[in-house]
Protein backbone atom coordinates (compact mmCIF):
# COMPACT_ATOMS: atom_id res chain seq x y z
CA MET A 1 2.56 17.22 -23.91
CA SER A 2 -1.02 18.38 -23.42
CA ALA A 3 -3.17 17.00 -20.61
CA PRO A 4 -5.44 14.12 -21.68
CA GLU A 5 -9.18 14.65 -21.78
CA VAL A 6 -11.34 12.66 -19.38
CA VAL A 7 -14.20 10.91 -21.17
CA PHE A 8 -17.27 10.87 -18.92
CA GLY A 9 -20.03 8.33 -19.59
CA PRO A 10 -23.66 9.00 -20.47
CA GLU A 11 -24.51 9.88 -16.86
CA GLY A 12 -21.53 12.21 -16.61
CA LEU A 13 -19.53 9.68 -14.56
CA VAL A 14 -16.15 8.01 -14.89
CA PRO A 15 -14.98 4.98 -12.86
CA CYS A 16 -12.02 5.54 -10.55
CA ILE A 17 -9.95 2.82 -8.91
CA ALA A 18 -8.23 3.72 -5.64
CA GLN A 19 -4.90 1.92 -5.16
CA ASP A 20 -2.59 2.09 -2.14
CA SER A 21 0.53 3.87 -3.36
CA LEU A 22 2.74 1.97 -0.91
CA THR A 23 1.47 -1.60 -1.07
CA GLY A 24 -0.09 -1.70 -4.53
CA GLU A 25 -3.35 -3.01 -3.08
CA VAL A 26 -6.49 -2.15 -5.01
CA LEU A 27 -8.66 -0.59 -2.31
CA MET A 28 -11.96 0.25 -3.99
CA LEU A 29 -13.80 1.23 -7.14
CA ALA A 30 -16.18 4.19 -7.18
CA TRP A 31 -17.38 6.88 -9.55
CA MET A 32 -16.49 10.51 -10.16
CA ASN A 33 -18.35 13.27 -11.92
CA ARG A 34 -16.61 16.46 -13.03
CA GLU A 35 -17.11 18.15 -9.65
CA ALA A 36 -15.71 15.15 -7.72
CA LEU A 37 -12.69 15.07 -10.00
CA ASP A 38 -12.09 18.79 -9.63
CA ARG A 39 -12.44 18.65 -5.83
CA THR A 40 -10.03 15.71 -5.69
CA VAL A 41 -7.40 17.62 -7.63
CA GLU A 42 -7.97 20.87 -5.71
CA THR A 43 -7.99 19.43 -2.18
CA GLY A 44 -5.63 16.45 -2.49
CA GLU A 45 -8.30 14.24 -0.90
CA VAL A 46 -10.30 11.80 -3.00
CA HIS A 47 -13.94 12.70 -3.65
CA PHE A 48 -16.51 10.52 -5.38
CA PHE A 49 -20.08 10.82 -6.63
CA SER A 50 -22.61 8.51 -4.98
CA ARG A 51 -24.90 6.98 -7.59
CA SER A 52 -27.38 5.86 -4.92
CA ARG A 53 -27.58 9.19 -3.06
CA ARG A 54 -26.96 11.28 -6.17
CA GLU A 55 -24.51 13.52 -4.35
CA LEU A 56 -20.83 14.34 -4.00
CA TRP A 57 -18.98 12.70 -1.09
CA ARG A 58 -15.49 12.96 0.31
CA LYS A 59 -14.19 9.49 1.05
CA GLY A 60 -13.82 9.19 4.83
CA GLU A 61 -16.02 12.13 5.78
CA THR A 62 -17.99 9.97 8.24
CA SER A 63 -15.38 7.33 9.17
CA GLY A 64 -12.25 9.50 9.15
CA ASN A 65 -10.63 7.04 6.74
CA PHE A 66 -9.66 9.61 4.15
CA LEU A 67 -7.73 8.87 0.97
CA ARG A 68 -4.88 11.33 0.44
CA LEU A 69 -4.13 11.67 -3.24
CA VAL A 70 -0.56 10.81 -4.26
CA ASP A 71 -1.03 10.65 -8.03
CA LEU A 72 -3.91 10.55 -10.49
CA ARG A 73 -3.65 8.57 -13.71
CA ILE A 74 -5.85 8.07 -16.73
CA ASP A 75 -6.12 5.01 -18.96
CA CYS A 76 -5.33 4.88 -22.67
CA ASP A 77 -8.96 5.50 -23.71
CA GLY A 78 -9.49 8.33 -21.23
CA ASP A 79 -12.57 6.69 -19.73
CA SER A 80 -11.14 5.29 -16.49
CA LEU A 81 -9.06 6.81 -13.69
CA LEU A 82 -6.56 5.39 -11.22
CA ALA A 83 -5.99 7.25 -7.96
CA LEU A 84 -2.80 6.31 -6.13
CA VAL A 85 -3.54 7.11 -2.50
CA ASP A 86 -2.26 7.13 1.04
CA PRO A 87 -5.19 5.68 3.05
CA ALA A 88 -5.81 6.94 6.60
CA GLY A 89 -7.53 3.67 7.53
CA PRO A 90 -9.66 0.88 6.09
CA ALA A 91 -11.10 1.75 2.69
CA CYS A 92 -14.12 -0.55 2.89
CA HIS A 93 -17.28 0.40 4.79
CA THR A 94 -17.16 -3.08 6.38
CA GLY A 95 -13.94 -2.15 8.18
CA GLU A 96 -11.76 -4.23 5.86
CA ARG A 97 -8.65 -2.59 4.48
CA THR A 98 -9.81 -3.16 0.90
CA CYS A 99 -13.23 -3.71 -0.61
CA PHE A 100 -11.73 -6.65 -2.50
CA HIS A 101 -11.23 -8.81 0.59
CA ARG A 102 -13.06 -11.96 -0.56
CA ARG A 103 -12.27 -14.62 -3.12
CA LEU A 104 -15.01 -15.13 -5.70
CA GLU A 105 -14.40 -18.87 -5.43
CA ASP A 106 -15.40 -19.34 -1.80
CA GLY A 107 -15.63 -15.94 -0.07
CA THR A 108 -12.47 -16.51 1.97
CA GLU A 109 -9.84 -13.84 2.59
CA PRO A 110 -7.11 -13.89 -0.07
CA ASP A 111 -3.42 -13.93 0.72
CA PRO A 112 -1.51 -10.76 -0.22
CA ALA A 113 -0.30 -10.73 -3.80
CA THR A 114 3.45 -10.93 -4.25
CA GLY A 115 3.65 -7.23 -5.05
CA GLU A 116 1.82 -6.40 -1.82
CA ALA A 117 4.18 -8.35 0.44
CA LEU A 118 6.51 -5.51 1.46
CA GLY A 119 3.62 -3.19 2.28
CA ALA A 120 1.92 -5.90 4.32
CA LEU A 121 5.20 -6.49 6.17
CA ALA A 122 5.52 -2.78 6.93
CA ARG A 123 2.01 -2.73 8.44
CA VAL A 124 2.75 -5.73 10.66
CA ILE A 125 5.98 -4.15 11.92
CA LEU A 126 4.15 -0.94 12.81
CA GLU A 127 1.48 -2.93 14.65
CA ARG A 128 4.16 -4.74 16.68
CA ARG A 129 5.43 -1.44 18.11
CA ALA A 130 2.71 -1.65 20.73
CA ALA A 131 3.42 -5.28 21.58
CA ASP A 132 5.26 -6.57 24.64
CA PRO A 133 8.94 -7.22 23.72
CA SER A 134 8.89 -10.32 25.92
CA GLU A 135 6.12 -11.77 23.76
CA SER A 136 6.97 -10.41 20.29
CA TYR A 137 10.29 -10.93 18.52
CA THR A 138 9.60 -7.94 16.28
CA ALA A 139 8.86 -5.71 19.28
CA ARG A 140 12.11 -6.85 20.90
CA LEU A 141 14.07 -5.90 17.78
CA LEU A 142 12.33 -2.53 17.57
CA ALA A 143 13.26 -1.82 21.20
CA ASP A 144 16.92 -2.75 20.59
CA PRO A 145 18.38 -1.18 17.41
CA GLU A 146 21.78 -2.75 18.05
CA LEU A 147 20.23 -6.20 18.10
CA ALA A 148 18.29 -5.40 14.93
CA ALA A 149 21.51 -4.22 13.25
CA ALA A 150 23.36 -7.38 14.31
CA LYS A 151 20.58 -9.52 12.88
CA VAL A 152 20.78 -7.71 9.52
CA THR A 153 24.54 -8.37 9.42
CA GLU A 154 23.95 -12.02 10.29
CA GLU A 155 21.16 -12.52 7.75
CA ALA A 156 23.11 -10.76 5.00
CA GLY A 157 25.99 -13.19 5.53
CA GLU A 158 23.65 -16.18 5.52
CA THR A 159 22.04 -14.97 2.30
CA VAL A 160 25.41 -14.71 0.59
CA GLU A 161 26.37 -18.19 1.81
CA ALA A 162 23.09 -19.60 0.53
CA VAL A 163 23.67 -18.09 -2.90
CA ARG A 164 27.09 -19.73 -3.00
CA ASP A 165 26.27 -23.17 -1.64
CA GLU A 166 22.54 -23.91 -1.32
CA ASP A 167 19.49 -24.50 -3.48
CA ASP A 168 17.12 -21.83 -4.74
CA GLN A 169 14.54 -22.39 -2.00
CA ARG A 170 17.11 -21.77 0.74
CA VAL A 171 18.30 -18.66 -1.08
CA ALA A 172 14.71 -17.36 -1.16
CA GLU A 173 14.21 -18.16 2.52
CA GLU A 174 17.40 -16.42 3.59
CA ALA A 175 16.60 -13.41 1.41
CA ALA A 176 13.16 -13.20 3.04
CA ASP A 177 14.78 -13.24 6.49
CA LEU A 178 17.14 -10.46 5.39
CA LEU A 179 14.32 -8.29 4.04
CA TYR A 180 12.33 -8.74 7.25
CA HIS A 181 15.21 -7.78 9.51
CA LEU A 182 16.19 -4.87 7.26
CA ALA A 183 12.61 -3.56 7.39
CA VAL A 184 12.64 -3.76 11.19
CA LEU A 185 16.03 -2.03 11.42
CA LEU A 186 14.82 0.81 9.21
CA GLU A 187 11.73 1.17 11.39
CA THR A 188 13.93 1.68 14.46
CA ARG A 189 14.85 4.94 12.72
CA GLY A 190 11.24 5.67 11.77
CA ILE A 191 12.07 5.00 8.13
CA GLY A 192 9.97 2.50 6.21
CA LEU A 193 10.97 0.41 3.24
CA ASP A 194 8.93 2.83 1.14
CA ARG A 195 11.66 5.44 1.63
CA ALA A 196 14.22 3.11 0.09
CA LEU A 197 11.83 2.26 -2.73
CA GLU A 198 11.32 5.97 -3.41
CA VAL A 199 15.10 6.35 -3.79
CA LEU A 200 15.18 3.43 -6.21
CA ASN A 201 12.40 5.00 -8.25
CA GLY A 202 14.35 8.25 -8.36
CA ARG A 203 17.36 6.43 -9.80
CA ARG A 204 15.52 5.12 -12.83
CA SER A 205 16.58 6.70 -16.10
């Protein structure tokens, strides 16, 4: 199959959405010209074209919050791009993780979407590594892999029992507890849930 052709607009620009490849969060929307697109592909770091400054810019060149390219996709009409990225830090110039950090309704911070939950959990677990185990349950589990393993065994059993005997809400609650403890246990090995998800993706046929 031949590579699709990118359709640039009248100003020689094409919109590009940057999406976190792990969490699914939409991080930002910016524009690329041909040079920015070529530099992105060549370097593996996302480049954009600034419409206000009329110049090429590498995302993160002043803040250090680079976007490492994981995959680059094109829409069905060829006039929009989607960059799946591994962000080195907050994507928004305000310091927020994503530029889309406010609800249109009232300007408040939105809750993570369902599809973002596992990625958000992974970030929290990593942040708890620096916490005092006497003050953080997650930090205590991270410091004691045997305890974390025992909790996974316990929660797995409780999830099975809930499926057999309890209502759907209890099943969901027990499953959430199991996922949390499994994520912590994996992190005691330095392996995130994303590694398991990568394996699942590789099994699709």
